[in-house]
Amino acid sequence: METEKDILATPAGELPACPVETTLTLISDKWKVLILRDLMPGTKRFGELKKSIGHVSQKVLTTQLRQMEKSGLVIRTVFPEVPPHVEYTLTDLGYSLKPILDAMWKWGENYKALNGQ
């Protein structure tokens, strides 16, 4: 089975045939969905993202953001300052995932309501 890294490195014509599998390949990691959620309102610095997401390590967050940048979901802007100032913003492609996240939110609310939480 191909890894996510293998799939992201392949040309678009070689992505999985199933569109659902392609979508899951790009956002299937727990942290990526939370990064998308936290960037929907707008640009955030690395530290703000780490704080808003919670229990993610710096290494994992950096890896996830780089993968999302490579797949065209996030733009990374580095400002030449000391200390370094880096901001992350969703691309139009990243923002196009909003209906999917909204549907996940709604489904999660309904599930919790049905289970008395």
PDB file of N, CA and C in Angstrom:
ATOM      1  N   MET A   1       0.843  -1.190   0.000  1.00  0.00           N
ATOM      2  CA  MET A   1       0.000   0.000   0.000  1.00  0.00           C
ATOM      3  C   MET A   1       0.881   1.245   0.000  1.00  0.00           C
ATOM      4  N   GLU A   2       0.474   2.232  -0.799  1.00  0.00           N
ATOM      5  CA  GLU A   2       1.233   3.463  -0.880  1.00  0.00           C
ATOM      6  C   GLU A   2       1.033   4.293   0.383  1.00  0.00           C
ATOM      7  N   THR A   3       2.065   5.010   0.763  1.00  0.00           N
ATOM      8  CA  THR A   3       1.939   5.928   1.892  1.00  0.00           C
ATOM      9  C   THR A   3       1.442   7.264   1.372  1.00  0.00           C
ATOM     10  N   GLU A   4       1.030   8.123   2.294  1.00  0.00           N
ATOM     11  CA  GLU A   4       0.567   9.463   1.920  1.00  0.00           C
ATOM     12  C   GLU A   4       1.683  10.217   1.217  1.00  0.00           C
ATOM     13  N   LYS A   5       2.905  10.073   1.697  1.00  0.00           N
ATOM     14  CA  LYS A   5       4.040  10.763   1.088  1.00  0.00           C
ATOM     15  C   LYS A   5       4.203  10.328  -0.366  1.00  0.00           C
ATOM     16  N   ASP A   6       4.053   9.027  -0.636  1.00  0.00           N
ATOM     17  CA  ASP A   6       4.155   8.524  -1.999  1.00  0.00           C
ATOM     18  C   ASP A   6       3.067   9.119  -2.885  1.00  0.00           C
ATOM     19  N   ILE A   7       1.850   9.187  -2.373  1.00  0.00           N
ATOM     20  CA  ILE A   7       0.729   9.688  -3.159  1.00  0.00           C
ATOM     21  C   ILE A   7       0.894  11.167  -3.451  1.00  0.00           C
ATOM     22  N   LEU A   8       1.323  11.955  -2.463  1.00  0.00           N
ATOM     23  CA  LEU A   8       1.481  13.396  -2.666  1.00  0.00           C
ATOM     24  C   LEU A   8       2.601  13.698  -3.649  1.00  0.00           C
ATOM     25  N   ALA A   9       3.550  12.798  -3.784  1.00  0.00           N
ATOM     26  CA  ALA A   9       4.674  13.022  -4.685  1.00  0.00           C
ATOM     27  C   ALA A   9       4.351  12.599  -6.115  1.00  0.00           C
ATOM     28  N   THR A  10       3.190  11.987  -6.360  1.00  0.00           N
ATOM     29  CA  THR A  10       2.843  11.525  -7.696  1.00  0.00           C
ATOM     30  C   THR A  10       2.085  12.590  -8.459  1.00  0.00           C
ATOM     31  N   PRO A  11       2.201  12.580  -9.784  1.00  0.00           N
ATOM     32  CA  PRO A  11       1.423  13.523 -10.598  1.00  0.00           C
ATOM     33  C   PRO A  11      -0.069  13.284 -10.413  1.00  0.00           C
ATOM     34  N   ALA A  12      -0.876  14.321 -10.644  1.00  0.00           N
ATOM     35  CA  ALA A  12      -2.320  14.243 -10.433  1.00  0.00           C
ATOM     36  C   ALA A  12      -2.942  13.063 -11.171  1.00  0.00           C
ATOM     37  N   GLY A  13      -2.438  12.732 -12.348  1.00  0.00           N
ATOM     38  CA  GLY A  13      -2.980  11.619 -13.122  1.00  0.00           C
ATOM     39  C   GLY A  13      -2.755  10.270 -12.465  1.00  0.00           C
ATOM     40  N   GLU A  14      -1.885  10.217 -11.463  1.00  0.00           N
ATOM     41  CA  GLU A  14      -1.580   8.953 -10.794  1.00  0.00           C
ATOM     42  C   GLU A  14      -2.178   8.873  -9.391  1.00  0.00           C
ATOM     43  N   LEU A  15      -3.041   9.808  -9.040  1.00  0.00           N
ATOM     44  CA  LEU A  15      -3.717   9.750  -7.742  1.00  0.00           C
ATOM     45  C   LEU A  15      -4.712   8.606  -7.761  1.00  0.00           C
ATOM     46  N   PRO A  16      -5.217   8.191  -6.593  1.00  0.00           N
ATOM     47  CA  PRO A  16      -6.193   7.106  -6.568  1.00  0.00           C
ATOM     48  C   PRO A  16      -7.376   7.400  -7.491  1.00  0.00           C
ATOM     49  N   ALA A  17      -7.929   6.366  -8.082  1.00  0.00           N
ATOM     50  CA  ALA A  17      -9.059   6.531  -9.001  1.00  0.00           C
ATOM     51  C   ALA A  17     -10.297   7.048  -8.274  1.00  0.00           C
ATOM     52  N   CYS A  18     -10.449   6.657  -7.028  1.00  0.00           N
ATOM     53  CA  CYS A  18     -11.625   7.049  -6.245  1.00  0.00           C
ATOM     54  C   CYS A  18     -11.425   8.456  -5.672  1.00  0.00           C
ATOM     55  N   PRO A  19     -12.329   9.401  -5.983  1.00  0.00           N
ATOM     56  CA  PRO A  19     -12.201  10.758  -5.438  1.00  0.00           C
ATOM     57  C   PRO A  19     -12.251  10.813  -3.914  1.00  0.00           C
ATOM     58  N   VAL A  20     -13.010   9.929  -3.289  1.00  0.00           N
ATOM     59  CA  VAL A  20     -13.063   9.902  -1.824  1.00  0.00           C
ATOM     60  C   VAL A  20     -11.695   9.516  -1.270  1.00  0.00           C
ATOM     61  N   GLU A  21     -11.054   8.546  -1.884  1.00  0.00           N
ATOM     62  CA  GLU A  21      -9.724   8.129  -1.442  1.00  0.00           C
ATOM     63  C   GLU A  21      -8.707   9.256  -1.625  1.00  0.00           C
ATOM     64  N   THR A  22      -8.825  10.008  -2.722  1.00  0.00           N
ATOM     65  CA  THR A  22      -7.934  11.148  -2.943  1.00  0.00           C
ATOM     66  C   THR A  22      -8.108  12.175  -1.834  1.00  0.00           C
ATOM     67  N   THR A  23      -9.364  12.508  -1.506  1.00  0.00           N
ATOM     68  CA  THR A  23      -9.640  13.477  -0.437  1.00  0.00           C
ATOM     69  C   THR A  23      -9.076  12.987   0.887  1.00  0.00           C
ATOM     70  N   LEU A  24      -9.330  11.724   1.207  1.00  0.00           N
ATOM     71  CA  LEU A  24      -8.821  11.172   2.457  1.00  0.00           C
ATOM     72  C   LEU A  24      -7.297  11.159   2.485  1.00  0.00           C
ATOM     73  N   THR A  25      -6.685  10.930   1.359  1.00  0.00           N
ATOM     74  CA  THR A  25      -5.225  10.944   1.281  1.00  0.00           C
ATOM     75  C   THR A  25      -4.681  12.310   1.678  1.00  0.00           C
ATOM     76  N   LEU A  26      -5.377  13.361   1.264  1.00  0.00           N
ATOM     77  CA  LEU A  26      -4.895  14.722   1.517  1.00  0.00           C
ATOM     78  C   LEU A  26      -5.208  15.230   2.917  1.00  0.00           C
ATOM     79  N   ILE A  27      -6.299  14.765   3.544  1.00  0.00           N
ATOM     80  CA  ILE A  27      -6.692  15.320   4.850  1.00  0.00           C
ATOM     81  C   ILE A  27      -6.957  14.264   5.906  1.00  0.00           C
ATOM     82  N   SER A  28      -6.536  13.027   5.680  1.00  0.00           N
ATOM     83  CA  SER A  28      -6.922  11.941   6.580  1.00  0.00           C
ATOM     84  C   SER A  28      -6.303  12.010   7.969  1.00  0.00           C
ATOM     85  N   ASP A  29      -5.189  12.666   8.114  1.00  0.00           N
ATOM     86  CA  ASP A  29      -4.557  12.732   9.424  1.00  0.00           C
ATOM     87  C   ASP A  29      -5.371  13.617  10.367  1.00  0.00           C
ATOM     88  N   LYS A  30      -5.497  13.187  11.604  1.00  0.00           N
ATOM     89  CA  LYS A  30      -6.241  13.945  12.615  1.00  0.00           C
ATOM     90  C   LYS A  30      -5.769  15.394  12.695  1.00  0.00           C
ATOM     91  N   TRP A  31      -4.462  15.596  12.658  1.00  0.00           N
ATOM     92  CA  TRP A  31      -3.924  16.937  12.823  1.00  0.00           C
ATOM     93  C   TRP A  31      -4.249  17.816  11.625  1.00  0.00           C
ATOM     94  N   LYS A  32      -4.281  17.247  10.420  1.00  0.00           N
ATOM     95  CA  LYS A  32      -4.575  18.046   9.235  1.00  0.00           C
ATOM     96  C   LYS A  32      -5.989  18.604   9.289  1.00  0.00           C
ATOM     97  N   VAL A  33      -6.920  17.812   9.745  1.00  0.00           N
ATOM     98  CA  VAL A  33      -8.299  18.295   9.859  1.00  0.00           C
ATOM     99  C   VAL A  33      -8.371  19.424  10.884  1.00  0.00           C
ATOM    100  N   LEU A  34      -7.654  19.282  11.980  1.00  0.00           N
ATOM    101  CA  LEU A  34      -7.645  20.341  12.997  1.00  0.00           C
ATOM    102  C   LEU A  34      -6.922  21.591  12.507  1.00  0.00           C
ATOM    103  N   ILE A  35      -5.880  21.425  11.704  1.00  0.00           N
ATOM    104  CA  ILE A  35      -5.197  22.576  11.108  1.00  0.00           C
ATOM    105  C   ILE A  35      -6.160  23.309  10.184  1.00  0.00           C
ATOM    106  N   LEU A  36      -6.878  22.558   9.344  1.00  0.00           N
ATOM    107  CA  LEU A  36      -7.870  23.170   8.456  1.00  0.00           C
ATOM    108  C   LEU A  36      -8.915  23.932   9.263  1.00  0.00           C
ATOM    109  N   ARG A  37      -9.422  23.293  10.311  1.00  0.00           N
ATOM    110  CA  ARG A  37     -10.428  23.934  11.171  1.00  0.00           C
ATOM    111  C   ARG A  37      -9.918  25.250  11.731  1.00  0.00           C
ATOM    112  N   ASP A  38      -8.679  25.243  12.207  1.00  0.00           N
ATOM    113  CA  ASP A  38      -8.141  26.425  12.875  1.00  0.00           C
ATOM    114  C   ASP A  38      -7.690  27.520  11.910  1.00  0.00           C
ATOM    115  N   LEU A  39      -7.467  27.167  10.644  1.00  0.00           N
ATOM    116  CA  LEU A  39      -7.095  28.177   9.661  1.00  0.00           C
ATOM    117  C   LEU A  39      -8.292  28.722   8.885  1.00  0.00           C
ATOM    118  N   MET A  40      -9.470  28.106   9.029  1.00  0.00           N
ATOM    119  CA  MET A  40     -10.656  28.596   8.310  1.00  0.00           C
ATOM    120  C   MET A  40     -10.957  30.067   8.626  1.00  0.00           C
ATOM    121  N   PRO A  41     -10.834  30.515   9.890  1.00  0.00           N
ATOM    122  CA  PRO A  41     -11.110  31.936  10.166  1.00  0.00           C
ATOM    123  C   PRO A  41     -10.053  32.887   9.603  1.00  0.00           C
ATOM    124  N   GLY A  42      -8.855  32.385   9.306  1.00  0.00           N
ATOM    125  CA  GLY A  42      -7.821  33.257   8.760  1.00  0.00           C
ATOM    126  C   GLY A  42      -6.418  32.809   9.120  1.00  0.00           C
ATOM    127  N   THR A  43      -5.462  33.628   8.754  1.00  0.00           N
ATOM    128  CA  THR A  43      -4.029  33.369   8.923  1.00  0.00           C
ATOM    129  C   THR A  43      -3.654  33.228  10.399  1.00  0.00           C
ATOM    130  N   LYS A  44      -2.726  32.287  10.658  1.00  0.00           N
ATOM    131  CA  LYS A  44      -2.206  32.122  12.022  1.00  0.00           C
ATOM    132  C   LYS A  44      -0.704  31.891  11.966  1.00  0.00           C
ATOM    133  N   ARG A  45      -0.045  32.325  13.019  1.00  0.00           N
ATOM    134  CA  ARG A  45       1.368  32.017  13.199  1.00  0.00           C
ATOM    135  C   ARG A  45       1.498  30.598  13.716  1.00  0.00           C
ATOM    136  N   PHE A  46       2.704  30.031  13.571  1.00  0.00           N
ATOM    137  CA  PHE A  46       2.953  28.660  13.983  1.00  0.00           C
ATOM    138  C   PHE A  46       2.562  28.445  15.450  1.00  0.00           C
ATOM    139  N   GLY A  47       3.010  29.335  16.321  1.00  0.00           N
ATOM    140  CA  GLY A  47       2.729  29.205  17.751  1.00  0.00           C
ATOM    141  C   GLY A  47       1.241  29.252  18.060  1.00  0.00           C
ATOM    142  N   GLU A  48       0.508  30.093  17.340  1.00  0.00           N
ATOM    143  CA  GLU A  48      -0.941  30.178  17.526  1.00  0.00           C
ATOM    144  C   GLU A  48      -1.610  28.866  17.129  1.00  0.00           C
ATOM    145  N   LEU A  49      -1.153  28.293  16.012  1.00  0.00           N
ATOM    146  CA  LEU A  49      -1.702  27.013  15.569  1.00  0.00           C
ATOM    147  C   LEU A  49      -1.420  25.923  16.597  1.00  0.00           C
ATOM    148  N   LYS A  50      -0.185  25.854  17.051  1.00  0.00           N
ATOM    149  CA  LYS A  50       0.194  24.822  18.028  1.00  0.00           C
ATOM    150  C   LYS A  50      -0.657  24.936  19.283  1.00  0.00           C
ATOM    151  N   LYS A  51      -0.860  26.150  19.741  1.00  0.00           N
ATOM    152  CA  LYS A  51      -1.655  26.374  20.945  1.00  0.00           C
ATOM    153  C   LYS A  51      -3.127  26.015  20.719  1.00  0.00           C
ATOM    154  N   SER A  52      -3.682  26.400  19.578  1.00  0.00           N
ATOM    155  CA  SER A  52      -5.106  26.153  19.328  1.00  0.00           C
ATOM    156  C   SER A  52      -5.403  24.679  19.081  1.00  0.00           C
ATOM    157  N   ILE A  53      -4.443  23.954  18.523  1.00  0.00           N
ATOM    158  CA  ILE A  53      -4.658  22.531  18.245  1.00  0.00           C
ATOM    159  C   ILE A  53      -4.525  21.703  19.510  1.00  0.00           C
ATOM    160  N   GLY A  54      -3.572  22.047  20.349  1.00  0.00           N
ATOM    161  CA  GLY A  54      -3.459  21.331  21.615  1.00  0.00           C
ATOM    162  C   GLY A  54      -2.270  20.418  21.707  1.00  0.00           C
ATOM    163  N   HIS A  55      -2.501  19.132  21.801  1.00  0.00           N
ATOM    164  CA  HIS A  55      -1.467  18.160  22.173  1.00  0.00           C
ATOM    165  C   HIS A  55      -0.610  17.675  21.008  1.00  0.00           C
ATOM    166  N   VAL A  56      -0.389  18.480  20.008  1.00  0.00           N
ATOM    167  CA  VAL A  56       0.463  18.095  18.886  1.00  0.00           C
ATOM    168  C   VAL A  56       1.888  18.572  19.163  1.00  0.00           C
ATOM    169  N   SER A  57       2.862  17.732  18.810  1.00  0.00           N
ATOM    170  CA  SER A  57       4.257  18.143  18.993  1.00  0.00           C
ATOM    171  C   SER A  57       4.658  19.106  17.885  1.00  0.00           C
ATOM    172  N   GLN A  58       5.700  19.863  18.139  1.00  0.00           N
ATOM    173  CA  GLN A  58       6.196  20.814  17.155  1.00  0.00           C
ATOM    174  C   GLN A  58       6.621  20.088  15.880  1.00  0.00           C
ATOM    175  N   LYS A  59       7.289  18.947  16.044  1.00  0.00           N
ATOM    176  CA  LYS A  59       7.767  18.169  14.896  1.00  0.00           C
ATOM    177  C   LYS A  59       6.604  17.682  14.033  1.00  0.00           C
ATOM    178  N   VAL A  60       5.587  17.131  14.664  1.00  0.00           N
ATOM    179  CA  VAL A  60       4.436  16.609  13.926  1.00  0.00           C
ATOM    180  C   VAL A  60       3.697  17.741  13.224  1.00  0.00           C
ATOM    181  N   LEU A  61       3.496  18.858  13.925  1.00  0.00           N
ATOM    182  CA  LEU A  61       2.804  19.991  13.322  1.00  0.00           C
ATOM    183  C   LEU A  61       3.584  20.515  12.118  1.00  0.00           C
ATOM    184  N   THR A  62       4.890  20.626  12.245  1.00  0.00           N
ATOM    185  CA  THR A  62       5.724  21.081  11.133  1.00  0.00           C
ATOM    186  C   THR A  62       5.596  20.136   9.940  1.00  0.00           C
ATOM    187  N   THR A  63       5.652  18.843  10.190  1.00  0.00           N
ATOM    188  CA  THR A  63       5.526  17.846   9.119  1.00  0.00           C
ATOM    189  C   THR A  63       4.177  17.948   8.426  1.00  0.00           C
ATOM    190  N   GLN A  64       3.116  18.058   9.211  1.00  0.00           N
ATOM    191  CA  GLN A  64       1.772  18.147   8.636  1.00  0.00           C
ATOM    192  C   GLN A  64       1.612  19.412   7.799  1.00  0.00           C
ATOM    193  N   LEU A  65       2.103  20.537   8.311  1.00  0.00           N
ATOM    194  CA  LEU A  65       2.008  21.793   7.571  1.00  0.00           C
ATOM    195  C   LEU A  65       2.801  21.733   6.269  1.00  0.00           C
ATOM    196  N   ARG A  66       3.960  21.116   6.288  1.00  0.00           N
ATOM    197  CA  ARG A  66       4.769  20.994   5.060  1.00  0.00           C
ATOM    198  C   ARG A  66       4.064  20.121   4.036  1.00  0.00           C
ATOM    199  N   GLN A  67       3.441  19.028   4.483  1.00  0.00           N
ATOM    200  CA  GLN A  67       2.691  18.175   3.563  1.00  0.00           C
ATOM    201  C   GLN A  67       1.510  18.928   2.969  1.00  0.00           C
ATOM    202  N   MET A  68       0.832  19.707   3.801  1.00  0.00           N
ATOM    203  CA  MET A  68      -0.320  20.479   3.326  1.00  0.00           C
ATOM    204  C   MET A  68       0.126  21.573   2.358  1.00  0.00           C
ATOM    205  N   GLU A  69       1.293  22.147   2.600  1.00  0.00           N
ATOM    206  CA  GLU A  69       1.831  23.146   1.680  1.00  0.00           C
ATOM    207  C   GLU A  69       2.154  22.493   0.336  1.00  0.00           C
ATOM    208  N   LYS A  70       2.773  21.321   0.388  1.00  0.00           N
ATOM    209  CA  LYS A  70       3.145  20.599  -0.830  1.00  0.00           C
ATOM    210  C   LYS A  70       1.913  20.206  -1.644  1.00  0.00           C
ATOM    211  N   SER A  71       0.830  19.875  -0.970  1.00  0.00           N
ATOM    212  CA  SER A  71      -0.384  19.463  -1.675  1.00  0.00           C
ATOM    213  C   SER A  71      -1.248  20.649  -2.096  1.00  0.00           C
ATOM    214  N   GLY A  72      -0.815  21.871  -1.765  1.00  0.00           N
ATOM    215  CA  GLY A  72      -1.513  23.055  -2.230  1.00  0.00           C
ATOM    216  C   GLY A  72      -2.652  23.529  -1.353  1.00  0.00           C
ATOM    217  N   LEU A  73      -2.725  23.040  -0.108  1.00  0.00           N
ATOM    218  CA  LEU A  73      -3.808  23.429   0.798  1.00  0.00           C
ATOM    219  C   LEU A  73      -3.448  24.640   1.651  1.00  0.00           C
ATOM    220  N   VAL A  74      -2.155  24.854   1.878  1.00  0.00           N
ATOM    221  CA  VAL A  74      -1.682  25.902   2.785  1.00  0.00           C
ATOM    222  C   VAL A  74      -0.564  26.701   2.129  1.00  0.00           C
ATOM    223  N   ILE A  75      -0.532  27.982   2.416  1.00  0.00           N
ATOM    224  CA  ILE A  75       0.576  28.843   2.005  1.00  0.00           C
ATOM    225  C   ILE A  75       1.371  29.196   3.254  1.00  0.00           C
ATOM    226  N   ARG A  76       2.682  29.043   3.177  1.00  0.00           N
ATOM    227  CA  ARG A  76       3.589  29.380   4.281  1.00  0.00           C
ATOM    228  C   ARG A  76       4.317  30.659   3.892  1.00  0.00           C
ATOM    229  N   THR A  77       4.199  31.671   4.747  1.00  0.00           N
ATOM    230  CA  THR A  77       4.866  32.946   4.493  1.00  0.00           C
ATOM    231  C   THR A  77       5.887  33.187   5.596  1.00  0.00           C
ATOM    232  N   VAL A  78       7.132  33.380   5.196  1.00  0.00           N
ATOM    233  CA  VAL A  78       8.215  33.637   6.149  1.00  0.00           C
ATOM    234  C   VAL A  78       8.587  35.108   6.054  1.00  0.00           C
ATOM    235  N   PHE A  79       8.603  35.774   7.200  1.00  0.00           N
ATOM    236  CA  PHE A  79       8.997  37.171   7.268  1.00  0.00           C
ATOM    237  C   PHE A  79      10.429  37.239   7.770  1.00  0.00           C
ATOM    238  N   PRO A  80      11.298  37.972   7.073  1.00  0.00           N
ATOM    239  CA  PRO A  80      12.716  38.031   7.445  1.00  0.00           C
ATOM    240  C   PRO A  80      12.944  38.892   8.695  1.00  0.00           C
ATOM    241  N   GLU A  81      12.646  38.317   9.831  1.00  0.00           N
ATOM    242  CA  GLU A  81      12.797  39.006  11.108  1.00  0.00           C
ATOM    243  C   GLU A  81      13.553  38.107  12.076  1.00  0.00           C
ATOM    244  N   VAL A  82      13.992  38.682  13.156  1.00  0.00           N
ATOM    245  CA  VAL A  82      14.594  37.914  14.242  1.00  0.00           C
ATOM    246  C   VAL A  82      13.790  38.210  15.495  1.00  0.00           C
ATOM    247  N   PRO A  83      13.182  37.215  16.122  1.00  0.00           N
ATOM    248  CA  PRO A  83      13.128  35.810  15.726  1.00  0.00           C
ATOM    249  C   PRO A  83      12.254  35.626  14.484  1.00  0.00           C
ATOM    250  N   PRO A  84      12.394  34.468  13.802  1.00  0.00           N
ATOM    251  CA  PRO A  84      11.624  34.221  12.586  1.00  0.00           C
ATOM    252  C   PRO A  84      10.120  34.336  12.825  1.00  0.00           C
ATOM    253  N   HIS A  85       9.449  34.884  11.863  1.00  0.00           N
ATOM    254  CA  HIS A  85       7.998  35.069  11.921  1.00  0.00           C
ATOM    255  C   HIS A  85       7.429  34.322  10.719  1.00  0.00           C
ATOM    256  N   VAL A  86       6.674  33.246  10.982  1.00  0.00           N
ATOM    257  CA  VAL A  86       6.101  32.422   9.921  1.00  0.00           C
ATOM    258  C   VAL A  86       4.598  32.384  10.103  1.00  0.00           C
ATOM    259  N   GLU A  87       3.876  32.603   9.010  1.00  0.00           N
ATOM    260  CA  GLU A  87       2.415  32.554   9.044  1.00  0.00           C
ATOM    261  C   GLU A  87       1.907  31.513   8.055  1.00  0.00           C
ATOM    262  N   TYR A  88       0.757  30.942   8.392  1.00  0.00           N
ATOM    263  CA  TYR A  88       0.120  29.943   7.540  1.00  0.00           C
ATOM    264  C   TYR A  88      -1.283  30.408   7.191  1.00  0.00           C
ATOM    265  N   THR A  89      -1.624  30.262   5.926  1.00  0.00           N
ATOM    266  CA  THR A  89      -2.923  30.662   5.415  1.00  0.00           C
ATOM    267  C   THR A  89      -3.429  29.574   4.487  1.00  0.00           C
ATOM    268  N   LEU A  90      -4.724  29.327   4.510  1.00  0.00           N
ATOM    269  CA  LEU A  90      -5.294  28.375   3.561  1.00  0.00           C
ATOM    270  C   LEU A  90      -5.296  28.975   2.162  1.00  0.00           C
ATOM    271  N   THR A  91      -5.059  28.144   1.185  1.00  0.00           N
ATOM    272  CA  THR A  91      -5.206  28.545  -0.213  1.00  0.00           C
ATOM    273  C   THR A  91      -6.692  28.456  -0.562  1.00  0.00           C
ATOM    274  N   ASP A  92      -7.043  28.881  -1.764  1.00  0.00           N
ATOM    275  CA  ASP A  92      -8.433  28.714  -2.215  1.00  0.00           C
ATOM    276  C   ASP A  92      -8.810  27.235  -2.192  1.00  0.00           C
ATOM    277  N   LEU A  93      -7.868  26.373  -2.562  1.00  0.00           N
ATOM    278  CA  LEU A  93      -8.111  24.931  -2.521  1.00  0.00           C
ATOM    279  C   LEU A  93      -8.380  24.473  -1.086  1.00  0.00           C
ATOM    280  N   GLY A  94      -7.607  25.000  -0.142  1.00  0.00           N
ATOM    281  CA  GLY A  94      -7.825  24.675   1.269  1.00  0.00           C
ATOM    282  C   GLY A  94      -9.191  25.138   1.746  1.00  0.00           C
ATOM    283  N   TYR A  95      -9.561  26.371   1.378  1.00  0.00           N
ATOM    284  CA  TYR A  95     -10.884  26.896   1.756  1.00  0.00           C
ATOM    285  C   TYR A  95     -12.016  26.109   1.116  1.00  0.00           C
ATOM    286  N   SER A  96     -11.753  25.479  -0.018  1.00  0.00           N
ATOM    287  CA  SER A  96     -12.810  24.706  -0.687  1.00  0.00           C
ATOM    288  C   SER A  96     -13.224  23.471   0.118  1.00  0.00           C
ATOM    289  N   LEU A  97     -12.449  23.128   1.158  1.00  0.00           N
ATOM    290  CA  LEU A  97     -12.793  22.003   2.027  1.00  0.00           C
ATOM    291  C   LEU A  97     -13.787  22.396   3.121  1.00  0.00           C
ATOM    292  N   LYS A  98     -14.170  23.666   3.192  1.00  0.00           N
ATOM    293  CA  LYS A  98     -15.081  24.142   4.236  1.00  0.00           C
ATOM    294  C   LYS A  98     -16.402  23.357   4.282  1.00  0.00           C
ATOM    295  N   PRO A  99     -17.062  23.102   3.155  1.00  0.00           N
ATOM    296  CA  PRO A  99     -18.311  22.322   3.240  1.00  0.00           C
ATOM    297  C   PRO A  99     -18.116  20.929   3.833  1.00  0.00           C
ATOM    298  N   ILE A 100     -16.974  20.332   3.585  1.00  0.00           N
ATOM    299  CA  ILE A 100     -16.682  19.010   4.154  1.00  0.00           C
ATOM    300  C   ILE A 100     -16.525  19.122   5.667  1.00  0.00           C
ATOM    301  N   LEU A 101     -15.776  20.132   6.130  1.00  0.00           N
ATOM    302  CA  LEU A 101     -15.599  20.329   7.572  1.00  0.00           C
ATOM    303  C   LEU A 101     -16.923  20.691   8.235  1.00  0.00           C
ATOM    304  N   ASP A 102     -17.739  21.512   7.563  1.00  0.00           N
ATOM    305  CA  ASP A 102     -19.058  21.861   8.109  1.00  0.00           C
ATOM    306  C   ASP A 102     -19.926  20.617   8.268  1.00  0.00           C
ATOM    307  N   ALA A 103     -19.881  19.728   7.275  1.00  0.00           N
ATOM    308  CA  ALA A 103     -20.657  18.483   7.347  1.00  0.00           C
ATOM    309  C   ALA A 103     -20.139  17.594   8.482  1.00  0.00           C
ATOM    310  N   MET A 104     -18.837  17.551   8.675  1.00  0.00           N
ATOM    311  CA  MET A 104     -18.262  16.763   9.770  1.00  0.00           C
ATOM    312  C   MET A 104     -18.694  17.339  11.118  1.00  0.00           C
ATOM    313  N   TRP A 105     -18.716  18.665  11.221  1.00  0.00           N
ATOM    314  CA  TRP A 105     -19.135  19.350  12.453  1.00  0.00           C
ATOM    315  C   TRP A 105     -20.579  18.966  12.777  1.00  0.00           C
ATOM    316  N   LYS A 106     -21.450  19.089  11.774  1.00  0.00           N
ATOM    317  CA  LYS A 106     -22.875  18.799  11.946  1.00  0.00           C
ATOM    318  C   LYS A 106     -23.079  17.342  12.334  1.00  0.00           C
ATOM    319  N   TRP A 107     -22.380  16.439  11.660  1.00  0.00           N
ATOM    320  CA  TRP A 107     -22.509  15.025  11.965  1.00  0.00           C
ATOM    321  C   TRP A 107     -22.061  14.746  13.402  1.00  0.00           C
ATOM    322  N   GLY A 108     -20.946  15.357  13.804  1.00  0.00           N
ATOM    323  CA  GLY A 108     -20.445  15.177  15.164  1.00  0.00           C
ATOM    324  C   GLY A 108     -21.418  15.695  16.206  1.00  0.00           C
ATOM    325  N   GLU A 109     -22.034  16.852  15.935  1.00  0.00           N
ATOM    326  CA  GLU A 109     -23.054  17.385  16.854  1.00  0.00           C
ATOM    327  C   GLU A 109     -24.231  16.424  16.984  1.00  0.00           C
ATOM    328  N   ASN A 110     -24.714  15.908  15.856  1.00  0.00           N
ATOM    329  CA  ASN A 110     -25.838  14.973  15.867  1.00  0.00           C
ATOM    330  C   ASN A 110     -25.486  13.695  16.614  1.00  0.00           C
ATOM    331  N   TYR A 111     -24.292  13.179  16.383  1.00  0.00           N
ATOM    332  CA  TYR A 111     -23.846  11.967  17.059  1.00  0.00           C
ATOM    333  C   TYR A 111     -23.815  12.172  18.573  1.00  0.00           C
ATOM    334  N   LYS A 112     -23.239  13.291  18.994  1.00  0.00           N
ATOM    335  CA  LYS A 112     -23.166  13.575  20.425  1.00  0.00           C
ATOM    336  C   LYS A 112     -24.562  13.725  21.034  1.00  0.00           C
ATOM    337  N   ALA A 113     -25.470  14.375  20.310  1.00  0.00           N
ATOM    338  CA  ALA A 113     -26.841  14.552  20.799  1.00  0.00           C
ATOM    339  C   ALA A 113     -27.542  13.203  20.945  1.00  0.00           C
ATOM    340  N   LEU A 114     -27.343  12.310  20.000  1.00  0.00           N
ATOM    341  CA  LEU A 114     -27.967  10.988  20.046  1.00  0.00           C
ATOM    342  C   LEU A 114     -27.420  10.126  21.173  1.00  0.00           C
ATOM    343  N   ASN A 115     -26.206  10.429  21.587  1.00  0.00           N
ATOM    344  CA  ASN A 115     -25.560   9.640  22.638  1.00  0.00           C
ATOM    345  C   ASN A 115     -25.535  10.372  23.975  1.00  0.00           C
ATOM    346  N   GLY A 116     -26.363  11.388  24.106  1.00  0.00           N
ATOM    347  CA  GLY A 116     -26.521  12.080  25.384  1.00  0.00           C
ATOM    348  C   GLY A 116     -25.303  12.832  25.864  1.00  0.00           C
ATOM    349  N   GLN A 117     -24.524  13.360  24.963  1.00  0.00           N
ATOM    350  CA  GLN A 117     -23.329  14.101  25.406  1.00  0.00           C
ATOM    351  C   GLN A 117     -23.474  15.564  25.117  1.00  0.00           C
TER     352      GLN A 117
END
